[in-house]
Amino acid sequence: MKAVLFVGHGSRDEEGNEQVRQFVQTIRPQIHKTFYVHTCFLEFGVPSVIDGIAHCVEQGAKNVIIIPIILLPAGHSKLHIPAAIDEAKQRYPHVSFTYGRPLGIHDATFTILQDRLKEAEVVLDEHTAIILLGRGGSDPDANSDLYKIARLFWERNKKAIVEPAFMGVTNPSLDEAVAKCVKLGAKKIVILPYFLFTGVLIKRLEKKVSEFQSMYPHMSFVQAHYFGFHPSLQTIVLDRLQEAIGDFVPMNCDTCQYRIHVVEHHHHHHHHHEH
């Protein structure tokens, strides 16, 4: 039997953990019924990754496919999950393990971000600034991916200013990004949180937005809904699962406008750019 083990980040706020479990339930019907499906967490939530693997093996799994429901590749996906898999390989030498990619950068990422702006009734123009707000971490790779997402998002919304910022650990901070947008002439600032689930930081952000409104009374501030468990997130997660099932090694093509155009129009189009 094969098992699919989804790994959520985990939150001190149990509401966030429950959102992960509910999301897995929504995609369960789209995964073949012969697969056993289970959910675990890196921290704060239960079960842990190693306990989640143990549960799958107890259910009779001979192959465990591990899919991180984590936005960007950082310490958790590069170190902590592989360490748990290494431990499991020692414990269960008769079981094989397949490790999938984090969500990363995918064309559906931008569908979700656009929808969050629509929900907030944001009209994009040269006086509007969007701050794409990430969690922030010590991994330069993950931090630079937020910059890439911000740039690709700007490519689709060239009327508005788009600035990346981080809640903690690294710069630019949200305060610095707001100050920069003010200097660039923005009259409206939309904070678009690049977070998967609610939690302590989202609740802290709500307080920050009201502080900004007091600091800059002549401006308008909008907090859009966080990235979250949007229906298009199912597309991304199921794509990562299909890659893992098929042992598919992807190139940096998920957001290539030329490739997407070719797929949509079903014809060949040669282009000269590096992947």
Protein backbone atom coordinates (compact mmCIF):
# COMPACT_ATOMS: atom_id res chain seq x y z
CA MET A 1 0.00 0.00 0.00
CA LYS A 2 1.10 3.58 -0.65
CA ALA A 3 0.46 6.42 1.75
CA VAL A 4 0.48 10.18 1.19
CA LEU A 5 1.61 12.13 4.24
CA PHE A 6 0.94 15.87 4.04
CA VAL A 7 3.11 18.00 6.29
CA GLY A 8 1.73 21.30 7.58
CA HIS A 9 3.95 23.88 9.26
CA GLY A 10 1.92 23.90 12.47
CA SER A 11 0.78 26.88 14.52
CA ARG A 12 0.39 27.78 18.18
CA ASP A 13 -3.10 28.81 17.09
CA GLU A 14 -5.07 25.54 16.77
CA GLU A 15 -7.41 27.21 14.27
CA GLY A 16 -4.49 27.29 11.81
CA ASN A 17 -3.78 23.57 12.31
CA GLU A 18 -7.43 22.73 11.77
CA GLN A 19 -7.36 24.65 8.47
CA VAL A 20 -4.57 22.32 7.26
CA ARG A 21 -6.56 19.21 8.22
CA GLN A 22 -9.70 20.54 6.52
CA PHE A 23 -7.74 21.37 3.36
CA VAL A 24 -6.42 17.80 3.16
CA GLN A 25 -10.00 16.55 3.53
CA THR A 26 -11.07 18.72 0.57
CA ILE A 27 -8.42 17.23 -1.74
CA ARG A 28 -8.85 13.64 -0.52
CA PRO A 29 -11.50 12.78 -3.18
CA GLN A 30 -9.01 13.81 -5.91
CA ILE A 31 -6.38 11.33 -4.69
CA HIS A 32 -6.81 7.70 -5.79
CA LYS A 33 -8.71 5.71 -3.21
CA THR A 34 -5.93 3.08 -2.99
CA PHE A 35 -3.69 5.66 -1.27
CA TYR A 36 -3.87 6.06 2.49
CA VAL A 37 -3.87 9.82 3.28
CA HIS A 38 -2.73 11.35 6.56
CA THR A 39 -1.73 14.80 7.90
CA CYS A 40 1.09 15.75 10.29
CA PHE A 41 2.90 18.91 11.45
CA LEU A 42 6.44 20.18 11.78
CA GLU A 43 5.80 21.95 15.06
CA PHE A 44 3.02 22.96 17.47
CA GLY A 45 0.49 20.55 15.90
CA VAL A 46 0.13 16.79 16.29
CA PRO A 47 1.14 14.30 15.08
CA SER A 48 4.78 15.16 14.38
CA VAL A 49 6.37 14.09 11.08
CA ILE A 50 7.98 10.97 12.57
CA ASP A 51 4.71 10.03 14.32
CA GLY A 52 2.81 10.64 11.07
CA ILE A 53 5.18 8.28 9.23
CA ALA A 54 4.81 5.68 12.02
CA HIS A 55 1.01 5.88 11.67
CA CYS A 56 1.20 5.30 7.89
CA VAL A 57 3.49 2.28 8.39
CA GLU A 58 1.13 0.90 11.05
CA GLN A 59 -1.68 1.13 8.50
CA GLY A 60 0.38 -1.08 6.18
CA ALA A 61 2.15 1.44 3.94
CA LYS A 62 5.19 0.11 2.05
CA ASN A 63 5.81 3.44 0.31
CA VAL A 64 5.23 6.81 2.00
CA ILE A 65 5.03 9.91 -0.21
CA ILE A 66 5.71 13.01 1.87
CA ILE A 67 4.35 16.33 0.56
CA PRO A 68 5.13 19.54 2.47
CA ILE A 69 2.24 22.03 2.51
CA ILE A 70 4.78 24.80 2.99
CA LEU A 71 4.91 27.94 0.87
CA LEU A 72 8.62 28.32 0.23
CA PRO A 73 11.71 26.08 0.44
CA ALA A 74 13.57 26.90 3.67
CA GLY A 75 15.03 25.18 6.73
CA HIS A 76 11.94 23.10 7.40
CA SER A 77 11.75 21.56 3.94
CA LYS A 78 15.53 21.34 3.46
CA LEU A 79 16.57 20.09 6.91
CA HIS A 80 13.82 19.14 9.34
CA ILE A 81 11.62 16.98 7.11
CA PRO A 82 14.63 15.17 5.52
CA ALA A 83 15.98 14.51 9.04
CA ALA A 84 12.67 12.87 10.01
CA ILE A 85 12.73 10.81 6.79
CA ASP A 86 16.32 9.68 7.54
CA GLU A 87 15.22 8.58 11.01
CA ALA A 88 12.24 6.73 9.51
CA LYS A 89 14.50 4.93 6.99
CA GLN A 90 16.53 3.58 9.92
CA ARG A 91 13.39 2.52 11.77
CA TYR A 92 11.58 1.04 8.78
CA PRO A 93 14.16 -0.39 6.35
CA HIS A 94 11.40 -2.27 4.46
CA VAL A 95 9.54 0.98 3.64
CA SER A 96 10.45 3.31 0.76
CA PHE A 97 10.05 7.06 0.99
CA THR A 98 9.41 9.69 -1.69
CA TYR A 99 9.79 13.36 -0.81
CA GLY A 100 7.94 16.01 -2.81
CA ARG A 101 8.59 19.72 -3.26
CA PRO A 102 7.16 22.58 -1.19
CA LEU A 103 4.48 24.64 -2.93
CA GLY A 104 7.07 27.10 -4.24
CA ILE A 105 6.32 29.30 -7.26
CA HIS A 106 3.48 28.07 -9.47
CA ASP A 107 1.21 29.77 -11.98
CA ALA A 108 -1.77 29.23 -9.65
CA THR A 109 0.06 31.31 -7.00
CA PHE A 110 -0.83 34.42 -8.98
CA THR A 111 -4.46 33.39 -9.47
CA ILE A 112 -4.76 33.23 -5.68
CA LEU A 113 -3.07 36.61 -5.13
CA GLN A 114 -5.29 38.26 -7.78
CA ASP A 115 -8.40 36.81 -6.17
CA ARG A 116 -7.37 38.11 -2.74
CA LEU A 117 -7.12 41.61 -4.24
CA LYS A 118 -10.52 41.26 -5.92
CA GLU A 119 -12.09 40.14 -2.63
CA ALA A 120 -10.66 43.26 -0.98
CA GLU A 121 -12.23 45.34 -3.82
CA VAL A 122 -8.85 46.82 -4.71
CA VAL A 123 -8.68 48.85 -7.92
CA LEU A 124 -5.11 48.81 -9.23
CA ASP A 125 -3.66 52.13 -10.39
CA GLU A 126 -0.43 54.11 -10.11
CA HIS A 127 -1.47 55.45 -6.68
CA THR A 128 -1.92 51.96 -5.22
CA ALA A 129 0.91 50.00 -3.63
CA ILE A 130 0.73 46.30 -2.82
CA ILE A 131 3.01 44.99 -0.10
CA LEU A 132 3.49 41.25 -0.48
CA LEU A 133 4.18 40.28 3.10
CA GLY A 134 6.07 37.08 3.90
CA ARG A 135 6.88 35.47 7.22
CA GLY A 136 10.63 36.04 6.81
CA GLY A 137 13.40 33.64 7.78
CA SER A 138 17.11 32.99 7.85
CA ASP A 139 17.15 31.11 4.53
CA PRO A 140 18.19 33.46 1.67
CA ASP A 141 16.64 31.07 -0.88
CA ALA A 142 13.13 31.38 0.61
CA ASN A 143 13.50 35.15 1.10
CA SER A 144 14.59 35.61 -2.51
CA ASP A 145 11.60 33.54 -3.71
CA LEU A 146 9.27 36.12 -2.15
CA TYR A 147 11.08 38.77 -4.22
CA LYS A 148 10.59 36.65 -7.34
CA ILE A 149 6.87 36.23 -6.61
CA ALA A 150 6.56 40.01 -6.06
CA ARG A 151 8.30 40.68 -9.38
CA LEU A 152 6.18 38.17 -11.32
CA PHE A 153 3.07 39.62 -9.69
CA TRP A 154 4.10 43.12 -10.77
CA GLU A 155 4.56 41.81 -14.34
CA ARG A 156 0.82 41.04 -14.28
CA ASN A 157 -0.22 44.29 -12.54
CA LYS A 158 2.10 46.90 -14.01
CA LYS A 159 -0.13 49.80 -12.97
CA ALA A 160 0.49 49.30 -9.24
CA ILE A 161 3.62 49.45 -7.09
CA VAL A 162 4.49 45.99 -5.71
CA GLU A 163 6.94 45.72 -2.81
CA PRO A 164 8.03 42.63 -0.85
CA ALA A 165 8.38 42.79 2.96
CA PHE A 166 8.77 40.44 5.91
CA MET A 167 7.09 40.16 9.31
CA GLY A 168 10.31 39.23 11.08
CA VAL A 169 13.87 37.87 11.08
CA THR A 170 14.98 39.75 7.97
CA ASN A 171 14.53 43.01 6.05
CA PRO A 172 12.78 44.91 4.60
CA SER A 173 10.34 45.02 7.48
CA LEU A 174 6.70 45.94 6.97
CA ASP A 175 7.38 49.39 8.49
CA GLU A 176 10.22 49.96 5.99
CA ALA A 177 8.06 48.85 3.06
CA VAL A 178 5.20 51.16 4.11
CA ALA A 179 7.62 54.11 4.42
CA LYS A 180 9.04 53.32 0.95
CA CYS A 181 5.56 53.13 -0.63
CA VAL A 182 4.68 56.52 0.92
CA LYS A 183 7.86 58.03 -0.61
CA LEU A 184 6.98 56.49 -3.97
CA GLY A 185 3.72 58.45 -3.92
CA ALA A 186 1.20 55.77 -3.00
CA LYS A 187 -2.14 57.00 -1.70
CA LYS A 188 -3.47 53.53 -0.93
CA ILE A 189 -1.46 50.64 0.51
CA VAL A 190 -2.76 47.09 0.31
CA ILE A 191 -1.03 44.56 2.56
CA LEU A 192 -1.30 41.12 1.00
CA PRO A 193 -0.11 38.49 3.50
CA TYR A 194 1.70 35.56 1.89
CA PHE A 195 0.68 33.17 4.68
CA LEU A 196 -1.02 29.81 4.39
CA PHE A 197 -3.06 29.91 7.57
CA THR A 198 -4.23 32.22 10.29
CA GLY A 199 -2.22 32.44 13.48
CA VAL A 200 -0.38 34.72 15.85
CA LEU A 201 1.28 36.78 13.07
CA ILE A 202 -1.94 37.42 11.13
CA LYS A 203 -3.62 38.62 14.31
CA ARG A 204 -0.61 40.85 15.08
CA LEU A 205 -0.81 42.26 11.56
CA GLU A 206 -4.39 43.45 12.08
CA LYS A 207 -3.13 45.61 14.95
CA LYS A 208 -0.23 46.93 12.83
CA VAL A 209 -2.58 48.03 10.04
CA SER A 210 -4.63 50.17 12.43
CA GLU A 211 -1.36 51.70 13.74
CA PHE A 212 -0.33 52.59 10.16
CA GLN A 213 -3.70 54.26 9.60
CA SER A 214 -3.05 56.47 12.65
CA MET A 215 0.52 57.25 11.54
CA TYR A 216 -0.53 58.15 7.98
CA PRO A 217 -4.07 59.59 8.34
CA HIS A 218 -4.05 60.99 4.78
CA MET A 219 -3.62 57.48 3.34
CA SER A 220 -5.84 54.45 2.96
CA PHE A 221 -4.72 51.03 4.23
CA VAL A 222 -6.31 47.70 3.33
CA GLN A 223 -5.41 44.31 4.73
CA ALA A 224 -6.29 41.68 2.14
CA HIS A 225 -7.11 38.12 3.16
CA TYR A 226 -4.01 35.98 3.61
CA PHE A 227 -3.01 33.62 0.78
CA GLY A 228 -4.70 30.74 2.61
CA PHE A 229 -6.49 27.60 1.47
CA HIS A 230 -7.91 29.02 -1.75
CA PRO A 231 -9.43 26.48 -4.22
CA SER A 232 -6.44 27.02 -6.57
CA LEU A 233 -4.13 25.82 -3.80
CA GLN A 234 -5.54 22.37 -4.52
CA THR A 235 -4.06 22.61 -8.02
CA ILE A 236 -0.59 23.37 -6.65
CA VAL A 237 -0.62 20.63 -3.99
CA LEU A 238 -1.99 17.99 -6.39
CA ASP A 239 0.68 18.98 -8.95
CA ARG A 240 3.38 18.46 -6.30
CA LEU A 241 1.86 15.08 -5.46
CA GLN A 242 1.79 14.03 -9.13
CA GLU A 243 5.46 15.03 -9.49
CA ALA A 244 6.36 12.86 -6.50
CA ILE A 245 4.28 9.88 -7.67
CA GLY A 246 5.86 10.08 -11.12
CA ASP A 247 9.41 10.79 -9.86
CA PHE A 248 9.25 13.86 -12.06
CA VAL A 249 12.15 16.30 -11.68
CA PRO A 250 10.82 19.74 -12.64
CA MET A 251 12.71 22.57 -14.29
CA ASN A 252 12.08 26.19 -13.38
CA CYS A 253 9.12 26.28 -15.79
CA ASP A 254 6.09 26.54 -13.55
CA THR A 255 5.74 30.28 -14.18
CA CYS A 256 7.32 30.51 -17.63
CA GLN A 257 4.88 32.65 -19.63
CA TYR A 258 6.06 31.04 -22.87
CA ARG A 259 5.45 27.50 -21.63
CA ILE A 260 2.02 28.43 -20.21
CA HIS A 261 1.10 30.04 -23.54
CA VAL A 262 2.14 26.89 -25.43
CA VAL A 263 0.15 24.63 -23.11
CA GLU A 264 -2.92 26.84 -23.41
CA HIS A 265 -2.73 27.10 -27.21
CA HIS A 266 -1.51 23.54 -27.93
CA HIS A 267 1.11 24.50 -30.46
CA HIS A 268 4.90 24.69 -30.56
CA HIS A 269 6.59 28.00 -29.99
CA HIS A 270 10.37 28.20 -29.81
CA HIS A 271 11.78 30.75 -27.41
CA HIS A 272 15.25 31.80 -26.39
CA HIS A 273 15.54 32.11 -22.67
CA GLU A 274 17.28 30.11 -20.02
CA HIS A 275 15.52 27.97 -17.44
